[in-house]
Amino acid sequence: MNVYDEMNNLCKAIKESHEYKMLVEAKGKLSGDASAESMVKDFLKQKQEIELQQYQGQKPDDAKVKKMQDLYNVLQLNPVAADYIQAYIRFQMMIGDLSKTLGDTLKEAME
């Protein structure tokens, strides 16, 4: 078995997955709505900053968390933005699951 061939198969399977297709479709719709796209980018940037702080063992600032939650609530009022965020979250969950599985396998070899 060639690991690189299997990785290519995995990449192909990801592109054929429901989560990937929904994200691409939602992204296409989002790019047609400049204000929703701007809000989504801002939300994802804030989300990433908070996650980075948590990853580094820091407690995120309550004001930042509230601001992100408020922006999320506003995004939910825009169907295009809401669809994109939901598709993005589902895709990230799938990638996270795949990453965990790979990490668990590598951990076995390293111990």
Protein backbone atom coordinates (compact mmCIF):
# COMPACT_ATOMS: atom_id res chain seq x y z
CA MET A 1 0.00 0.00 0.00
CA ASN A 2 1.31 3.43 -0.95
CA VAL A 3 0.52 6.03 1.71
CA TYR A 4 0.59 8.86 -0.83
CA ASP A 5 -1.97 7.13 -3.03
CA GLU A 6 -4.20 6.67 0.00
CA MET A 7 -3.85 10.35 0.87
CA ASN A 8 -4.90 11.23 -2.67
CA ASN A 9 -7.92 8.94 -2.22
CA LEU A 10 -8.76 10.66 1.07
CA CYS A 11 -8.53 14.09 -0.58
CA LYS A 12 -10.82 12.88 -3.36
CA ALA A 13 -13.29 11.51 -0.79
CA ILE A 14 -13.26 14.82 1.08
CA LYS A 15 -14.06 16.70 -2.14
CA GLU A 16 -16.91 14.26 -2.80
CA SER A 17 -18.30 14.56 0.73
CA HIS A 18 -21.61 16.23 1.47
CA GLU A 19 -19.87 18.62 3.89
CA TYR A 20 -17.38 19.81 1.26
CA LYS A 21 -20.05 20.26 -1.41
CA MET A 22 -22.29 22.21 0.96
CA LEU A 23 -19.39 24.47 1.97
CA VAL A 24 -18.45 25.20 -1.65
CA GLU A 25 -22.08 25.94 -2.51
CA ALA A 26 -22.49 28.21 0.52
CA LYS A 27 -19.22 29.97 -0.27
CA GLY A 28 -20.43 30.71 -3.78
CA LYS A 29 -23.61 32.29 -2.44
CA LEU A 30 -21.68 34.20 0.21
CA SER A 31 -19.35 35.74 -2.36
CA GLY A 32 -22.43 37.31 -3.98
CA ASP A 33 -23.36 39.17 -0.77
CA ALA A 34 -20.55 41.59 0.17
CA SER A 35 -22.00 42.65 3.51
CA ALA A 36 -22.63 39.05 4.64
CA GLU A 37 -19.16 38.06 3.45
CA SER A 38 -17.59 40.88 5.46
CA MET A 39 -19.51 39.91 8.60
CA VAL A 40 -18.56 36.24 8.19
CA LYS A 41 -14.89 37.11 7.77
CA ASP A 42 -15.02 39.27 10.89
CA PHE A 43 -16.77 36.52 12.86
CA LEU A 44 -14.28 33.85 11.77
CA LYS A 45 -11.35 36.12 12.62
CA GLN A 46 -12.72 36.74 16.10
CA LYS A 47 -13.46 33.04 16.54
CA GLN A 48 -9.92 32.14 15.52
CA GLU A 49 -8.42 34.65 17.96
CA ILE A 50 -10.47 33.23 20.84
CA GLU A 51 -9.61 29.64 19.91
CA LEU A 52 -5.92 30.55 19.74
CA GLN A 53 -6.07 32.04 23.23
CA GLN A 54 -7.78 28.89 24.52
CA TYR A 55 -5.21 26.68 22.79
CA GLN A 56 -2.46 28.67 24.51
CA GLY A 57 -4.14 28.06 27.86
CA GLN A 58 -5.38 31.63 28.23
CA LYS A 59 -8.88 32.63 29.22
CA PRO A 60 -10.41 34.71 26.42
CA ASP A 61 -11.58 38.18 27.31
CA ASP A 62 -15.30 38.10 28.21
CA ALA A 63 -15.96 41.20 26.10
CA LYS A 64 -14.41 39.52 23.04
CA VAL A 65 -16.47 36.37 23.58
CA LYS A 66 -19.66 38.43 23.96
CA LYS A 67 -18.84 40.42 20.82
CA MET A 68 -18.33 37.18 18.88
CA GLN A 69 -21.60 35.73 20.21
CA ASP A 70 -23.46 38.91 19.30
CA LEU A 71 -22.02 38.83 15.79
CA TYR A 72 -23.02 35.16 15.49
CA ASN A 73 -26.60 36.11 16.42
CA VAL A 74 -26.61 38.85 13.78
CA LEU A 75 -25.23 36.41 11.19
CA GLN A 76 -28.10 34.04 11.92
CA LEU A 77 -30.51 36.73 10.67
CA ASN A 78 -28.90 36.64 7.23
CA PRO A 79 -29.74 33.31 5.50
CA VAL A 80 -26.68 33.43 3.24
CA ALA A 81 -24.31 34.07 6.15
CA ALA A 82 -26.09 31.54 8.38
CA ASP A 83 -25.88 28.82 5.71
CA TYR A 84 -22.18 29.48 5.22
CA ILE A 85 -21.40 29.42 8.95
CA GLN A 86 -23.31 26.15 9.40
CA ALA A 87 -21.59 24.56 6.39
CA TYR A 88 -18.22 25.83 7.66
CA ILE A 89 -18.81 24.37 11.12
CA ARG A 90 -19.90 20.98 9.73
CA PHE A 91 -16.85 20.85 7.45
CA GLN A 92 -14.51 21.83 10.30
CA MET A 93 -16.04 19.09 12.48
CA MET A 94 -15.38 16.51 9.75
CA ILE A 95 -11.78 17.69 9.33
CA GLY A 96 -11.34 17.68 13.11
CA ASP A 97 -12.54 14.08 13.31
CA LEU A 98 -10.15 13.06 10.53
CA SER A 99 -7.30 14.90 12.22
CA LYS A 100 -8.02 13.21 15.55
CA THR A 101 -8.03 9.78 13.90
CA LEU A 102 -4.70 10.51 12.22
CA GLY A 103 -3.29 11.90 15.45
CA ASP A 104 -4.37 8.83 17.40
CA THR A 105 -2.67 6.58 14.86
CA LEU A 106 0.56 8.58 15.00
CA LYS A 107 0.45 8.64 18.78
CA GLU A 108 0.41 4.83 18.84
CA ALA A 109 3.63 4.75 16.82
CA MET A 110 5.35 7.40 18.95
CA GLU A 111 4.71 5.85 22.35
